[in-house]
Amino acid sequence: MTEPIELMRAKLNTETAKADWTELRPFFAKGQLIKVDNRLDLIDVAAHIAADDTDSVREWMMSGQLVKLDDETAMDWEERKPAIWTVVLAPWILVQERGH
């Protein structure tokens, strides 16, 4: 399973982009934003999701490190306008705040 995840990481690394909260707002309204905890590597998480590694994904979800973006965070980002990195895994967009 390691090789497919490494290949997926390489592919997803080229698809990572910085976004402004204003660009992400419509996707939040549709419930499509998944917040990745800063202690995790965004590309690594995306690769595990894309490779259907349900064990890792379940573990991150249960520990609260991978969650649907909540209203409180959305309001915070609306006010602060932080740097947000994204990876699209349709229909989801993984988001992670960078550089507190």
C-alpha atoms as a PDB file:
ATOM      1  CA  MET A   1       0.000   0.000   0.000  1.00  0.00           C
ATOM      2  CA  THR A   2       2.975   2.335   0.503  1.00  0.00           C
ATOM      3  CA  GLU A   3       3.720   2.764  -3.200  1.00  0.00           C
ATOM      4  CA  PRO A   4       0.226   3.930  -4.240  1.00  0.00           C
ATOM      5  CA  ILE A   5       0.232   6.437  -1.367  1.00  0.00           C
ATOM      6  CA  GLU A   6       3.655   7.759  -2.431  1.00  0.00           C
ATOM      7  CA  LEU A   7       2.481   8.103  -6.035  1.00  0.00           C
ATOM      8  CA  MET A   8      -0.689   9.836  -4.831  1.00  0.00           C
ATOM      9  CA  ARG A   9       1.379  12.207  -2.662  1.00  0.00           C
ATOM     10  CA  ALA A  10       3.476  13.218  -5.669  1.00  0.00           C
ATOM     11  CA  LYS A  11       0.380  13.846  -7.783  1.00  0.00           C
ATOM     12  CA  LEU A  12      -1.502  15.734  -5.071  1.00  0.00           C
ATOM     13  CA  ASN A  13       1.528  17.865  -4.218  1.00  0.00           C
ATOM     14  CA  THR A  14       1.198  19.530  -7.614  1.00  0.00           C
ATOM     15  CA  GLU A  15      -2.499  20.164  -7.001  1.00  0.00           C
ATOM     16  CA  THR A  16      -2.121  21.985  -3.692  1.00  0.00           C
ATOM     17  CA  ALA A  17      -3.092  25.643  -3.789  1.00  0.00           C
ATOM     18  CA  LYS A  18      -3.363  28.607  -1.479  1.00  0.00           C
ATOM     19  CA  ALA A  19      -6.865  30.068  -1.279  1.00  0.00           C
ATOM     20  CA  ASP A  20      -8.560  33.054   0.290  1.00  0.00           C
ATOM     21  CA  TRP A  21     -11.501  32.466   2.599  1.00  0.00           C
ATOM     22  CA  THR A  22     -13.749  34.398   0.178  1.00  0.00           C
ATOM     23  CA  GLU A  23     -13.057  31.751  -2.496  1.00  0.00           C
ATOM     24  CA  LEU A  24     -13.881  28.938  -0.066  1.00  0.00           C
ATOM     25  CA  ARG A  25     -17.072  30.414   1.398  1.00  0.00           C
ATOM     26  CA  PRO A  26     -19.434  28.858  -1.205  1.00  0.00           C
ATOM     27  CA  PHE A  27     -17.940  25.411  -0.580  1.00  0.00           C
ATOM     28  CA  PHE A  28     -18.359  25.875   3.178  1.00  0.00           C
ATOM     29  CA  ALA A  29     -22.024  26.699   2.601  1.00  0.00           C
ATOM     30  CA  LYS A  30     -22.391  23.373   0.754  1.00  0.00           C
ATOM     31  CA  GLY A  31     -20.629  21.461   3.557  1.00  0.00           C
ATOM     32  CA  GLN A  32     -17.706  20.463   1.337  1.00  0.00           C
ATOM     33  CA  LEU A  33     -14.767  21.738   3.405  1.00  0.00           C
ATOM     34  CA  ILE A  34     -12.817  19.253   5.499  1.00  0.00           C
ATOM     35  CA  LYS A  35     -10.400  20.786   8.007  1.00  0.00           C
ATOM     36  CA  VAL A  36      -7.051  19.055   8.462  1.00  0.00           C
ATOM     37  CA  ASP A  37      -5.332  19.670  11.792  1.00  0.00           C
ATOM     38  CA  ASN A  38      -2.018  21.578  11.597  1.00  0.00           C
ATOM     39  CA  ARG A  39      -0.210  18.665  13.252  1.00  0.00           C
ATOM     40  CA  LEU A  40      -0.915  16.590  10.124  1.00  0.00           C
ATOM     41  CA  ASP A  41       0.637  16.925   6.691  1.00  0.00           C
ATOM     42  CA  LEU A  42      -2.090  18.096   4.287  1.00  0.00           C
ATOM     43  CA  ILE A  43      -0.697  16.165   1.301  1.00  0.00           C
ATOM     44  CA  ASP A  44      -0.235  13.004   3.354  1.00  0.00           C
ATOM     45  CA  VAL A  45      -3.845  13.113   4.566  1.00  0.00           C
ATOM     46  CA  ALA A  46      -5.110  13.735   1.031  1.00  0.00           C
ATOM     47  CA  ALA A  47      -3.051  10.812  -0.295  1.00  0.00           C
ATOM     48  CA  HIS A  48      -4.444   8.445   2.351  1.00  0.00           C
ATOM     49  CA  ILE A  49      -8.008   9.551   1.572  1.00  0.00           C
ATOM     50  CA  ALA A  50      -7.471   9.182  -2.183  1.00  0.00           C
ATOM     51  CA  ALA A  51      -5.967   5.699  -1.633  1.00  0.00           C
ATOM     52  CA  ASP A  52      -9.020   4.657   0.438  1.00  0.00           C
ATOM     53  CA  ASP A  53      -6.972   4.127   3.597  1.00  0.00           C
ATOM     54  CA  THR A  54     -10.056   3.966   5.809  1.00  0.00           C
ATOM     55  CA  ASP A  55      -8.110   2.986   8.936  1.00  0.00           C
ATOM     56  CA  SER A  56      -5.979   6.156   8.915  1.00  0.00           C
ATOM     57  CA  VAL A  57      -8.933   8.353   7.976  1.00  0.00           C
ATOM     58  CA  ARG A  58     -11.088   6.868  10.757  1.00  0.00           C
ATOM     59  CA  GLU A  59      -8.269   7.392  13.280  1.00  0.00           C
ATOM     60  CA  TRP A  60      -7.861  11.062  12.291  1.00  0.00           C
ATOM     61  CA  MET A  61     -11.609  11.613  12.439  1.00  0.00           C
ATOM     62  CA  MET A  62     -11.948   9.977  15.847  1.00  0.00           C
ATOM     63  CA  SER A  63      -9.068  12.078  17.231  1.00  0.00           C
ATOM     64  CA  GLY A  64     -10.647  15.272  15.848  1.00  0.00           C
ATOM     65  CA  GLN A  65      -7.746  15.925  13.469  1.00  0.00           C
ATOM     66  CA  LEU A  66      -9.941  15.562  10.366  1.00  0.00           C
ATOM     67  CA  VAL A  67     -13.367  17.199  10.654  1.00  0.00           C
ATOM     68  CA  LYS A  68     -15.940  19.076   8.626  1.00  0.00           C
ATOM     69  CA  LEU A  69     -15.163  22.762   8.940  1.00  0.00           C
ATOM     70  CA  ASP A  70     -17.335  24.179  11.725  1.00  0.00           C
ATOM     71  CA  ASP A  71     -19.110  27.529  11.986  1.00  0.00           C
ATOM     72  CA  GLU A  72     -16.735  28.810  14.677  1.00  0.00           C
ATOM     73  CA  THR A  73     -13.655  28.230  12.502  1.00  0.00           C
ATOM     74  CA  ALA A  74     -15.423  29.715   9.473  1.00  0.00           C
ATOM     75  CA  MET A  75     -16.253  32.892  11.411  1.00  0.00           C
ATOM     76  CA  ASP A  76     -12.681  33.080  12.704  1.00  0.00           C
ATOM     77  CA  TRP A  77     -11.277  32.740   9.179  1.00  0.00           C
ATOM     78  CA  GLU A  78     -13.783  35.317   7.925  1.00  0.00           C
ATOM     79  CA  GLU A  79     -12.392  37.841  10.426  1.00  0.00           C
ATOM     80  CA  ARG A  80      -8.674  37.011  10.297  1.00  0.00           C
ATOM     81  CA  LYS A  81      -8.315  36.039   6.614  1.00  0.00           C
ATOM     82  CA  PRO A  82      -5.436  33.589   7.275  1.00  0.00           C
ATOM     83  CA  ALA A  83      -3.402  31.728   4.668  1.00  0.00           C
ATOM     84  CA  ILE A  84      -5.361  28.568   3.816  1.00  0.00           C
ATOM     85  CA  TRP A  85      -3.933  25.692   1.815  1.00  0.00           C
ATOM     86  CA  THR A  86      -6.266  23.426  -0.123  1.00  0.00           C
ATOM     87  CA  VAL A  87      -6.340  20.100  -1.902  1.00  0.00           C
ATOM     88  CA  VAL A  88      -9.411  19.126  -3.914  1.00  0.00           C
ATOM     89  CA  LEU A  89     -10.659  15.548  -3.603  1.00  0.00           C
ATOM     90  CA  ALA A  90     -14.068  15.974  -5.197  1.00  0.00           C
ATOM     91  CA  PRO A  91     -16.594  16.519  -3.794  1.00  0.00           C
ATOM     92  CA  TRP A  92     -14.455  17.535  -0.808  1.00  0.00           C
ATOM     93  CA  ILE A  93     -11.897  20.250  -0.398  1.00  0.00           C
ATOM     94  CA  LEU A  94      -9.329  19.624   2.308  1.00  0.00           C
ATOM     95  CA  VAL A  95      -8.321  22.869   4.010  1.00  0.00           C
ATOM     96  CA  GLN A  96      -5.560  23.695   6.434  1.00  0.00           C
ATOM     97  CA  GLU A  97      -4.570  27.012   7.962  1.00  0.00           C
ATOM     98  CA  ARG A  98      -0.892  27.806   7.624  1.00  0.00           C
ATOM     99  CA  GLY A  99       1.360  30.190   9.456  1.00  0.00           C
ATOM    100  CA  HIS A 100      -0.466  31.180  12.650  1.00  0.00           C
END
